């Protein structure tokens, strides 16, 4: 068994060294998962929390992005009153995952990744929870559709591993939280008010429109005003670090990531307070989704 796990680890994570003792320790401590039942809660969390997944193909350094989506049963328009329509009406969100036979994801962004994925043997999906990452080993099965939405069908992962301290903690901003960021530009452009996507003590990401991408250049600094429930809680500088395009079920989401310039301890404390408030709101949202679905989502 250990030899087979070691072989899979080398396939999905080439260039890394896996000693038998480390594999045994990882299995014992739950950092390496080989049982589908233990992998399932992470996929359910990714679906219900609409987490952005990083996607690696055949160990190549280029990162793509996707999201796991639901796969309710198909409905024949001419048989909407028949049994299969009743089956859809009774369908519970995410129920297809409990069969543990496959997963459905949105097409990759940037779009070129979809061509590469079709010819890739080893695919890794990476999701972040607090400061650790969960890497899920899967393979491509086929292009398909959910309704009119083109999607990717992937095998249900038979191997996953947890990576501690994978990145700085980022709190996801729930949709029901009244949190706004105002971005200042020079005199040629008006200020922009938008919605944050996530925030940590060192930086944040916020949503922008397709045309608004032109307003941001990596390396440039902008004044940021952070409002929670219409109250101005912090004014600071942030430097643009990345512009990203991520697919959502309803279209494309454009995101700008900035790094904070925290000049004073009181300013850093204000950001820490905002991050804590966002995390509390996110955990409350997850708890409500857990209660509604009857699924223990991972926070």
C-alpha atoms as a PDB file:
ATOM      1  CA  UNK A   1       0.000   0.000   0.000  1.00  0.00           C
ATOM      2  CA  UNK A   2       2.761   2.441   0.932  1.00  0.00           C
ATOM      3  CA  UNK A   3       4.558   1.719  -2.337  1.00  0.00           C
ATOM      4  CA  UNK A   4       1.403   2.502  -4.339  1.00  0.00           C
ATOM      5  CA  UNK A   5       0.838   5.760  -2.413  1.00  0.00           C
ATOM      6  CA  UNK A   6       4.473   6.716  -2.955  1.00  0.00           C
ATOM      7  CA  UNK A   7       4.071   6.041  -6.683  1.00  0.00           C
ATOM      8  CA  UNK A   8       0.973   8.258  -6.856  1.00  0.00           C
ATOM      9  CA  UNK A   9       2.684  11.049  -4.925  1.00  0.00           C
ATOM     10  CA  UNK A  10       5.569  11.025  -7.384  1.00  0.00           C
ATOM     11  CA  UNK A  11       3.152  11.129 -10.322  1.00  0.00           C
ATOM     12  CA  UNK A  12       1.098  14.053  -9.044  1.00  0.00           C
ATOM     13  CA  UNK A  13       3.908  15.969  -7.311  1.00  0.00           C
ATOM     14  CA  UNK A  14       6.996  15.352  -9.494  1.00  0.00           C
ATOM     15  CA  UNK A  15      10.342  16.642  -8.314  1.00  0.00           C
ATOM     16  CA  UNK A  16       9.473  16.200  -4.642  1.00  0.00           C
ATOM     17  CA  UNK A  17      10.969  13.590  -2.343  1.00  0.00           C
ATOM     18  CA  UNK A  18       8.667  11.229  -0.420  1.00  0.00           C
ATOM     19  CA  UNK A  19      10.275   8.983   2.165  1.00  0.00           C
ATOM     20  CA  UNK A  20       8.420   5.945   3.488  1.00  0.00           C
ATOM     21  CA  UNK A  21       8.639   7.261   7.071  1.00  0.00           C
ATOM     22  CA  UNK A  22       7.148  10.603   6.016  1.00  0.00           C
ATOM     23  CA  UNK A  23       4.313   8.882   4.157  1.00  0.00           C
ATOM     24  CA  UNK A  24       3.509   6.685   7.147  1.00  0.00           C
ATOM     25  CA  UNK A  25       3.549   9.715   9.447  1.00  0.00           C
ATOM     26  CA  UNK A  26       1.329  11.668   7.021  1.00  0.00           C
ATOM     27  CA  UNK A  27      -1.208   8.834   6.920  1.00  0.00           C
ATOM     28  CA  UNK A  28      -1.193   8.518  10.706  1.00  0.00           C
ATOM     29  CA  UNK A  29      -1.643  12.250  11.325  1.00  0.00           C
ATOM     30  CA  UNK A  30      -4.203  12.763   8.559  1.00  0.00           C
ATOM     31  CA  UNK A  31      -1.998  14.926   6.354  1.00  0.00           C
ATOM     32  CA  UNK A  32      -2.177  12.325   3.566  1.00  0.00           C
ATOM     33  CA  UNK A  33      -5.676  11.082   2.725  1.00  0.00           C
ATOM     34  CA  UNK A  34      -6.395   7.982   0.632  1.00  0.00           C
ATOM     35  CA  UNK A  35      -9.994   7.222   1.686  1.00  0.00           C
ATOM     36  CA  UNK A  36     -12.664   8.876  -0.445  1.00  0.00           C
ATOM     37  CA  UNK A  37     -14.888   9.353   2.610  1.00  0.00           C
ATOM     38  CA  UNK A  38     -12.217  11.553   4.201  1.00  0.00           C
ATOM     39  CA  UNK A  39     -11.646  13.541   0.997  1.00  0.00           C
ATOM     40  CA  UNK A  40     -15.381  14.166   0.448  1.00  0.00           C
ATOM     41  CA  UNK A  41     -15.815  16.918   3.117  1.00  0.00           C
ATOM     42  CA  UNK A  42     -13.170  19.083   1.420  1.00  0.00           C
ATOM     43  CA  UNK A  43     -14.957  18.840  -1.922  1.00  0.00           C
ATOM     44  CA  UNK A  44     -18.292  19.610  -0.276  1.00  0.00           C
ATOM     45  CA  UNK A  45     -16.738  22.647   1.387  1.00  0.00           C
ATOM     46  CA  UNK A  46     -15.261  23.797  -1.928  1.00  0.00           C
ATOM     47  CA  UNK A  47     -18.702  23.536  -3.538  1.00  0.00           C
ATOM     48  CA  UNK A  48     -20.809  25.173  -0.827  1.00  0.00           C
ATOM     49  CA  UNK A  49     -18.246  27.897  -0.077  1.00  0.00           C
ATOM     50  CA  UNK A  50     -17.608  28.527  -3.798  1.00  0.00           C
ATOM     51  CA  UNK A  51     -13.877  28.364  -3.215  1.00  0.00           C
ATOM     52  CA  UNK A  52     -11.444  29.306  -5.961  1.00  0.00           C
ATOM     53  CA  UNK A  53      -9.259  26.320  -6.822  1.00  0.00           C
ATOM     54  CA  UNK A  54      -5.737  26.498  -8.151  1.00  0.00           C
ATOM     55  CA  UNK A  55      -5.150  23.892 -10.865  1.00  0.00           C
ATOM     56  CA  UNK A  56      -1.780  22.370 -11.781  1.00  0.00           C
ATOM     57  CA  UNK A  57      -1.363  20.169 -14.853  1.00  0.00           C
ATOM     58  CA  UNK A  58       1.317  17.452 -15.009  1.00  0.00           C
ATOM     59  CA  UNK A  59       3.473  19.253 -12.439  1.00  0.00           C
ATOM     60  CA  UNK A  60       3.967  22.324 -14.648  1.00  0.00           C
ATOM     61  CA  UNK A  61       4.498  25.639 -12.805  1.00  0.00           C
ATOM     62  CA  UNK A  62       1.682  27.500 -14.615  1.00  0.00           C
ATOM     63  CA  UNK A  63      -1.344  27.904 -12.341  1.00  0.00           C
ATOM     64  CA  UNK A  64      -4.923  27.954 -13.636  1.00  0.00           C
ATOM     65  CA  UNK A  65      -8.130  28.632 -11.717  1.00  0.00           C
ATOM     66  CA  UNK A  66     -11.512  26.931 -11.456  1.00  0.00           C
ATOM     67  CA  UNK A  67     -14.422  26.188  -9.113  1.00  0.00           C
ATOM     68  CA  UNK A  68     -16.348  23.015  -8.307  1.00  0.00           C
ATOM     69  CA  UNK A  69     -20.022  23.205  -9.308  1.00  0.00           C
ATOM     70  CA  UNK A  70     -23.146  21.165  -8.704  1.00  0.00           C
ATOM     71  CA  UNK A  71     -24.492  18.481 -11.050  1.00  0.00           C
ATOM     72  CA  UNK A  72     -28.244  18.017 -10.576  1.00  0.00           C
ATOM     73  CA  UNK A  73     -30.014  15.421 -12.722  1.00  0.00           C
ATOM     74  CA  UNK A  74     -31.021  16.364 -16.241  1.00  0.00           C
ATOM     75  CA  UNK A  75     -34.671  17.224 -16.930  1.00  0.00           C
ATOM     76  CA  UNK A  76     -36.423  16.442 -20.214  1.00  0.00           C
ATOM     77  CA  UNK A  77     -38.602  19.423 -21.079  1.00  0.00           C
ATOM     78  CA  UNK A  78     -41.335  17.111 -22.377  1.00  0.00           C
ATOM     79  CA  UNK A  79     -41.363  15.099 -19.169  1.00  0.00           C
ATOM     80  CA  UNK A  80     -41.343  17.829 -16.540  1.00  0.00           C
ATOM     81  CA  UNK A  81     -44.311  16.236 -14.808  1.00  0.00           C
ATOM     82  CA  UNK A  82     -42.754  12.785 -14.865  1.00  0.00           C
ATOM     83  CA  UNK A  83     -40.663  11.006 -12.253  1.00  0.00           C
ATOM     84  CA  UNK A  84     -37.335  12.475 -13.316  1.00  0.00           C
ATOM     85  CA  UNK A  85     -38.729  15.963 -12.714  1.00  0.00           C
ATOM     86  CA  UNK A  86     -39.775  14.925  -9.232  1.00  0.00           C
ATOM     87  CA  UNK A  87     -36.278  13.529  -8.731  1.00  0.00           C
ATOM     88  CA  UNK A  88     -34.747  16.915  -9.537  1.00  0.00           C
ATOM     89  CA  UNK A  89     -37.201  18.645  -7.218  1.00  0.00           C
ATOM     90  CA  UNK A  90     -35.974  16.384  -4.395  1.00  0.00           C
ATOM     91  CA  UNK A  91     -32.323  16.802  -5.317  1.00  0.00           C
ATOM     92  CA  UNK A  92     -30.158  18.227  -2.529  1.00  0.00           C
ATOM     93  CA  UNK A  93     -27.296  20.553  -3.429  1.00  0.00           C
ATOM     94  CA  UNK A  94     -24.030  18.681  -3.802  1.00  0.00           C
ATOM     95  CA  UNK A  95     -25.677  15.247  -3.587  1.00  0.00           C
ATOM     96  CA  UNK A  96     -23.794  13.956  -6.638  1.00  0.00           C
ATOM     97  CA  UNK A  97     -20.533  14.234  -4.696  1.00  0.00           C
ATOM     98  CA  UNK A  98     -21.695  11.675  -2.142  1.00  0.00           C
ATOM     99  CA  UNK A  99     -21.516   8.961  -4.810  1.00  0.00           C
ATOM    100  CA  UNK A 100     -17.754   9.677  -4.806  1.00  0.00           C
ATOM    101  CA  UNK A 101     -17.376   8.746  -8.483  1.00  0.00           C
ATOM    102  CA  UNK A 102     -16.554  12.099 -10.145  1.00  0.00           C
ATOM    103  CA  UNK A 103     -16.452  15.872  -9.671  1.00  0.00           C
ATOM    104  CA  UNK A 104     -17.621  18.689 -11.945  1.00  0.00           C
ATOM    105  CA  UNK A 105     -15.631  21.909 -12.315  1.00  0.00           C
ATOM    106  CA  UNK A 106     -15.927  25.056 -14.373  1.00  0.00           C
ATOM    107  CA  UNK A 107     -13.584  25.482 -17.355  1.00  0.00           C
ATOM    108  CA  UNK A 108     -10.147  26.784 -16.427  1.00  0.00           C
ATOM    109  CA  UNK A 109      -8.972  30.368 -16.570  1.00  0.00           C
ATOM    110  CA  UNK A 110      -6.884  31.412 -18.428  1.00  0.00           C
ATOM    111  CA  UNK A 111      -8.747  29.534 -21.143  1.00  0.00           C
ATOM    112  CA  UNK A 112      -5.646  27.967 -22.707  1.00  0.00           C
ATOM    113  CA  UNK A 113      -5.529  25.642 -19.710  1.00  0.00           C
ATOM    114  CA  UNK A 114      -8.593  23.771 -20.993  1.00  0.00           C
ATOM    115  CA  UNK A 115      -6.670  22.550 -24.021  1.00  0.00           C
ATOM    116  CA  UNK A 116      -3.726  21.466 -21.878  1.00  0.00           C
ATOM    117  CA  UNK A 117      -6.002  19.772 -19.357  1.00  0.00           C
ATOM    118  CA  UNK A 118      -7.526  17.465 -21.989  1.00  0.00           C
ATOM    119  CA  UNK A 119      -4.082  15.957 -22.619  1.00  0.00           C
ATOM    120  CA  UNK A 120      -2.834  15.982 -19.020  1.00  0.00           C
ATOM    121  CA  UNK A 121      -2.371  12.716 -17.130  1.00  0.00           C
ATOM    122  CA  UNK A 122      -2.068  14.140 -13.616  1.00  0.00           C
ATOM    123  CA  UNK A 123      -4.163  17.070 -12.348  1.00  0.00           C
ATOM    124  CA  UNK A 124      -3.877  18.685  -8.921  1.00  0.00           C
ATOM    125  CA  UNK A 125      -6.642  20.871  -7.484  1.00  0.00           C
ATOM    126  CA  UNK A 126      -5.491  23.090  -4.622  1.00  0.00           C
ATOM    127  CA  UNK A 127      -7.883  24.762  -2.193  1.00  0.00           C
ATOM    128  CA  UNK A 128      -7.028  26.972   0.783  1.00  0.00           C
ATOM    129  CA  UNK A 129      -8.592  26.760   4.236  1.00  0.00           C
ATOM    130  CA  UNK A 130      -7.228  29.268   6.714  1.00  0.00           C
ATOM    131  CA  UNK A 131      -3.437  28.968   6.377  1.00  0.00           C
ATOM    132  CA  UNK A 132      -3.228  25.405   5.047  1.00  0.00           C
ATOM    133  CA  UNK A 133      -3.795  24.037   1.570  1.00  0.00           C
ATOM    134  CA  UNK A 134      -5.476  20.803   0.527  1.00  0.00           C
ATOM    135  CA  UNK A 135      -4.129  19.313  -2.706  1.00  0.00           C
ATOM    136  CA  UNK A 136      -6.446  16.871  -4.474  1.00  0.00           C
ATOM    137  CA  UNK A 137      -5.124  14.418  -7.081  1.00  0.00           C
ATOM    138  CA  UNK A 138      -7.490  13.825  -9.995  1.00  0.00           C
ATOM    139  CA  UNK A 139      -7.611  13.068 -13.731  1.00  0.00           C
ATOM    140  CA  UNK A 140      -9.568  14.391 -16.693  1.00  0.00           C
ATOM    141  CA  UNK A 141     -12.557  12.346 -17.889  1.00  0.00           C
ATOM    142  CA  UNK A 142     -14.516  14.426 -20.391  1.00  0.00           C
ATOM    143  CA  UNK A 143     -15.986  17.740 -21.443  1.00  0.00           C
ATOM    144  CA  UNK A 144     -19.706  17.860 -20.688  1.00  0.00           C
ATOM    145  CA  UNK A 145     -22.509  20.269 -19.812  1.00  0.00           C
ATOM    146  CA  UNK A 146     -24.684  21.098 -16.843  1.00  0.00           C
ATOM    147  CA  UNK A 147     -27.739  22.507 -18.546  1.00  0.00           C
ATOM    148  CA  UNK A 148     -26.271  24.929 -21.075  1.00  0.00           C
ATOM    149  CA  UNK A 149     -23.095  25.460 -19.027  1.00  0.00           C
ATOM    150  CA  UNK A 150     -19.910  23.822 -20.400  1.00  0.00           C
ATOM    151  CA  UNK A 151     -18.045  22.051 -17.591  1.00  0.00           C
ATOM    152  CA  UNK A 152     -15.219  19.592 -16.954  1.00  0.00           C
ATOM    153  CA  UNK A 153     -15.784  16.125 -15.560  1.00  0.00           C
ATOM    154  CA  UNK A 154     -12.874  14.919 -13.426  1.00  0.00           C
ATOM    155  CA  UNK A 155     -12.329  11.698 -11.519  1.00  0.00           C
ATOM    156  CA  UNK A 156     -13.096  11.687  -7.812  1.00  0.00           C
ATOM    157  CA  UNK A 157      -9.738  12.130  -6.031  1.00  0.00           C
ATOM    158  CA  UNK A 158      -8.279   8.993  -4.492  1.00  0.00           C
ATOM    159  CA  UNK A 159      -5.378  10.880  -2.943  1.00  0.00           C
ATOM    160  CA  UNK A 160      -5.109  14.212  -1.138  1.00  0.00           C
ATOM    161  CA  UNK A 161      -2.576  15.873   1.108  1.00  0.00           C
ATOM    162  CA  UNK A 162      -2.644  18.826   3.492  1.00  0.00           C
ATOM    163  CA  UNK A 163       0.119  21.444   3.387  1.00  0.00           C
ATOM    164  CA  UNK A 164       0.417  23.581   6.559  1.00  0.00           C
ATOM    165  CA  UNK A 165       1.372  27.260   6.410  1.00  0.00           C
ATOM    166  CA  UNK A 166       0.776  27.289   2.656  1.00  0.00           C
ATOM    167  CA  UNK A 167       0.051  31.007   2.571  1.00  0.00           C
ATOM    168  CA  UNK A 168      -0.845  34.021   4.663  1.00  0.00           C
ATOM    169  CA  UNK A 169      -4.297  33.719   6.208  1.00  0.00           C
ATOM    170  CA  UNK A 170      -7.037  35.291   4.082  1.00  0.00           C
ATOM    171  CA  UNK A 171     -10.603  35.681   5.325  1.00  0.00           C
ATOM    172  CA  UNK A 172     -13.209  35.249   2.605  1.00  0.00           C
ATOM    173  CA  UNK A 173     -15.726  38.098   2.501  1.00  0.00           C
ATOM    174  CA  UNK A 174     -19.289  36.719   2.625  1.00  0.00           C
ATOM    175  CA  UNK A 175     -21.830  38.279   0.300  1.00  0.00           C
ATOM    176  CA  UNK A 176     -24.101  39.347   3.148  1.00  0.00           C
ATOM    177  CA  UNK A 177     -21.397  41.478   4.802  1.00  0.00           C
ATOM    178  CA  UNK A 178     -21.631  45.199   4.044  1.00  0.00           C
ATOM    179  CA  UNK A 179     -17.933  45.696   3.266  1.00  0.00           C
ATOM    180  CA  UNK A 180     -16.762  48.192   0.639  1.00  0.00           C
ATOM    181  CA  UNK A 181     -13.360  49.395  -0.518  1.00  0.00           C
ATOM    182  CA  UNK A 182     -12.934  52.800  -2.121  1.00  0.00           C
ATOM    183  CA  UNK A 183      -9.907  53.163  -4.416  1.00  0.00           C
ATOM    184  CA  UNK A 184      -8.410  56.565  -5.194  1.00  0.00           C
ATOM    185  CA  UNK A 185      -6.707  57.376  -8.507  1.00  0.00           C
ATOM    186  CA  UNK A 186      -5.058  60.477  -9.889  1.00  0.00           C
ATOM    187  CA  UNK A 187      -7.095  63.425 -11.181  1.00  0.00           C
ATOM    188  CA  UNK A 188      -7.703  61.731 -14.549  1.00  0.00           C
ATOM    189  CA  UNK A 189      -9.791  58.884 -13.103  1.00  0.00           C
ATOM    190  CA  UNK A 190     -12.697  59.007 -10.645  1.00  0.00           C
ATOM    191  CA  UNK A 191     -12.622  57.038  -7.393  1.00  0.00           C
ATOM    192  CA  UNK A 192     -13.897  53.458  -7.613  1.00  0.00           C
ATOM    193  CA  UNK A 193     -16.053  51.727  -4.994  1.00  0.00           C
ATOM    194  CA  UNK A 194     -16.129  47.941  -5.137  1.00  0.00           C
ATOM    195  CA  UNK A 195     -16.508  44.745  -3.103  1.00  0.00           C
ATOM    196  CA  UNK A 196     -13.600  42.917  -1.452  1.00  0.00           C
ATOM    197  CA  UNK A 197     -13.181  39.207  -2.227  1.00  0.00           C
ATOM    198  CA  UNK A 198     -10.886  38.356   0.678  1.00  0.00           C
ATOM    199  CA  UNK A 199      -8.616  40.138   3.139  1.00  0.00           C
ATOM    200  CA  UNK A 200      -5.616  39.334   5.326  1.00  0.00           C
ATOM    201  CA  UNK A 201      -3.360  41.371   7.580  1.00  0.00           C
ATOM    202  CA  UNK A 202      -0.952  42.066   4.707  1.00  0.00           C
ATOM    203  CA  UNK A 203      -3.241  42.553   1.738  1.00  0.00           C
ATOM    204  CA  UNK A 204      -6.581  42.016   0.074  1.00  0.00           C
ATOM    205  CA  UNK A 205      -8.270  41.217  -3.222  1.00  0.00           C
ATOM    206  CA  UNK A 206     -11.298  43.036  -4.627  1.00  0.00           C
ATOM    207  CA  UNK A 207     -13.592  42.609  -7.601  1.00  0.00           C
ATOM    208  CA  UNK A 208     -13.278  44.858 -10.658  1.00  0.00           C
ATOM    209  CA  UNK A 209     -15.019  45.028 -14.020  1.00  0.00           C
ATOM    210  CA  UNK A 210     -13.461  43.888 -17.269  1.00  0.00           C
ATOM    211  CA  UNK A 211     -12.877  47.460 -18.450  1.00  0.00           C
ATOM    212  CA  UNK A 212     -11.667  48.539 -15.001  1.00  0.00           C
ATOM    213  CA  UNK A 213      -8.616  46.292 -15.365  1.00  0.00           C
ATOM    214  CA  UNK A 214      -7.063  49.101 -17.402  1.00  0.00           C
ATOM    215  CA  UNK A 215      -7.147  51.313 -14.318  1.00  0.00           C
ATOM    216  CA  UNK A 216      -4.648  49.120 -12.465  1.00  0.00           C
ATOM    217  CA  UNK A 217      -0.965  48.470 -13.165  1.00  0.00           C
ATOM    218  CA  UNK A 218       1.148  46.019 -11.099  1.00  0.00           C
ATOM    219  CA  UNK A 219       3.472  47.970  -8.817  1.00  0.00           C
ATOM    220  CA  UNK A 220       1.332  51.101  -8.663  1.00  0.00           C
ATOM    221  CA  UNK A 221       0.112  52.297  -5.277  1.00  0.00           C
ATOM    222  CA  UNK A 222      -3.399  53.566  -4.548  1.00  0.00           C
ATOM    223  CA  UNK A 223      -5.130  55.038  -1.530  1.00  0.00           C
ATOM    224  CA  UNK A 224      -7.687  52.609  -0.109  1.00  0.00           C
ATOM    225  CA  UNK A 225     -10.635  53.387   2.154  1.00  0.00           C
ATOM    226  CA  UNK A 226     -12.228  50.412   3.922  1.00  0.00           C
ATOM    227  CA  UNK A 227     -15.870  50.694   5.015  1.00  0.00           C
ATOM    228  CA  UNK A 228     -17.813  48.138   7.063  1.00  0.00           C
ATOM    229  CA  UNK A 229     -21.529  48.856   7.546  1.00  0.00           C
ATOM    230  CA  UNK A 230     -20.942  52.320   6.029  1.00  0.00           C
ATOM    231  CA  UNK A 231     -18.364  53.141   8.723  1.00  0.00           C
ATOM    232  CA  UNK A 232     -14.881  54.181   7.588  1.00  0.00           C
ATOM    233  CA  UNK A 233     -12.514  51.911   9.528  1.00  0.00           C
ATOM    234  CA  UNK A 234      -9.172  52.372   7.760  1.00  0.00           C
ATOM    235  CA  UNK A 235      -7.415  54.563   5.199  1.00  0.00           C
ATOM    236  CA  UNK A 236      -4.133  53.199   3.841  1.00  0.00           C
ATOM    237  CA  UNK A 237      -1.939  52.679   0.781  1.00  0.00           C
ATOM    238  CA  UNK A 238      -1.973  49.469  -1.224  1.00  0.00           C
ATOM    239  CA  UNK A 239       0.291  48.410  -4.095  1.00  0.00           C
ATOM    240  CA  UNK A 240      -1.138  46.327  -6.939  1.00  0.00           C
ATOM    241  CA  UNK A 241       0.404  42.845  -6.964  1.00  0.00           C
ATOM    242  CA  UNK A 242      -1.738  40.916  -9.454  1.00  0.00           C
ATOM    243  CA  UNK A 243      -4.705  41.075 -11.803  1.00  0.00           C
ATOM    244  CA  UNK A 244      -6.569  37.776 -12.142  1.00  0.00           C
ATOM    245  CA  UNK A 245      -9.474  36.385 -14.130  1.00  0.00           C
ATOM    246  CA  UNK A 246     -11.541  33.627 -12.500  1.00  0.00           C
ATOM    247  CA  UNK A 247     -14.571  31.873 -13.928  1.00  0.00           C
ATOM    248  CA  UNK A 248     -17.852  31.841 -11.998  1.00  0.00           C
ATOM    249  CA  UNK A 249     -21.012  29.935 -12.845  1.00  0.00           C
ATOM    250  CA  UNK A 250     -22.602  33.151 -14.128  1.00  0.00           C
ATOM    251  CA  UNK A 251     -19.587  34.491 -16.021  1.00  0.00           C
ATOM    252  CA  UNK A 252     -16.064  35.802 -15.458  1.00  0.00           C
ATOM    253  CA  UNK A 253     -14.873  37.472 -12.256  1.00  0.00           C
ATOM    254  CA  UNK A 254     -11.978  39.932 -12.512  1.00  0.00           C
ATOM    255  CA  UNK A 255      -9.928  40.409  -9.350  1.00  0.00           C
ATOM    256  CA  UNK A 256      -7.194  42.831  -8.296  1.00  0.00           C
ATOM    257  CA  UNK A 257      -4.848  41.901  -5.451  1.00  0.00           C
ATOM    258  CA  UNK A 258      -3.022  44.544  -3.425  1.00  0.00           C
ATOM    259  CA  UNK A 259      -0.384  44.517  -0.700  1.00  0.00           C
ATOM    260  CA  UNK A 260      -0.904  46.889   2.221  1.00  0.00           C
ATOM    261  CA  UNK A 261       1.596  49.520   3.320  1.00  0.00           C
ATOM    262  CA  UNK A 262       1.000  49.542   7.078  1.00  0.00           C
ATOM    263  CA  UNK A 263       2.845  52.617   8.296  1.00  0.00           C
ATOM    264  CA  UNK A 264       1.752  52.551  11.948  1.00  0.00           C
ATOM    265  CA  UNK A 265       0.839  50.011  14.594  1.00  0.00           C
ATOM    266  CA  UNK A 266      -2.679  51.513  15.056  1.00  0.00           C
ATOM    267  CA  UNK A 267      -3.284  51.066  11.322  1.00  0.00           C
ATOM    268  CA  UNK A 268      -2.101  47.454  11.481  1.00  0.00           C
ATOM    269  CA  UNK A 269      -4.404  46.900  14.482  1.00  0.00           C
ATOM    270  CA  UNK A 270      -7.341  48.340  12.541  1.00  0.00           C
ATOM    271  CA  UNK A 271      -6.701  45.891   9.683  1.00  0.00           C
ATOM    272  CA  UNK A 272      -6.430  42.994  12.141  1.00  0.00           C
ATOM    273  CA  UNK A 273      -9.802  44.000  13.598  1.00  0.00           C
ATOM    274  CA  UNK A 274     -11.390  44.087  10.124  1.00  0.00           C
ATOM    275  CA  UNK A 275      -9.930  40.672   9.254  1.00  0.00           C
ATOM    276  CA  UNK A 276     -11.319  39.220  12.492  1.00  0.00           C
ATOM    277  CA  UNK A 277     -14.780  40.672  11.785  1.00  0.00           C
ATOM    278  CA  UNK A 278     -14.768  39.275   8.238  1.00  0.00           C
ATOM    279  CA  UNK A 279     -13.691  35.847   9.488  1.00  0.00           C
ATOM    280  CA  UNK A 280     -16.485  35.808  12.099  1.00  0.00           C
ATOM    281  CA  UNK A 281     -19.025  36.665   9.405  1.00  0.00           C
ATOM    282  CA  UNK A 282     -17.634  33.957   7.115  1.00  0.00           C
ATOM    283  CA  UNK A 283     -17.721  31.310   9.848  1.00  0.00           C
ATOM    284  CA  UNK A 284     -21.319  32.277  10.642  1.00  0.00           C
ATOM    285  CA  UNK A 285     -22.219  31.921   6.957  1.00  0.00           C
ATOM    286  CA  UNK A 286     -20.543  28.495   6.805  1.00  0.00           C
ATOM    287  CA  UNK A 287     -22.395  27.400   9.960  1.00  0.00           C
ATOM    288  CA  UNK A 288     -25.707  28.436   8.394  1.00  0.00           C
ATOM    289  CA  UNK A 289     -24.884  26.500   5.211  1.00  0.00           C
ATOM    290  CA  UNK A 290     -23.902  23.483   7.309  1.00  0.00           C
ATOM    291  CA  UNK A 291     -27.220  23.616   9.190  1.00  0.00           C
ATOM    292  CA  UNK A 292     -29.212  24.007   5.970  1.00  0.00           C
ATOM    293  CA  UNK A 293     -27.424  21.194   4.135  1.00  0.00           C
ATOM    294  CA  UNK A 294     -26.805  18.837   7.041  1.00  0.00           C
ATOM    295  CA  UNK A 295     -23.149  18.659   5.958  1.00  0.00           C
ATOM    296  CA  UNK A 296     -20.231  19.456   8.262  1.00  0.00           C
ATOM    297  CA  UNK A 297     -18.362  22.013   6.166  1.00  0.00           C
ATOM    298  CA  UNK A 298     -14.715  22.572   7.006  1.00  0.00           C
ATOM    299  CA  UNK A 299     -13.744  25.968   8.347  1.00  0.00           C
END
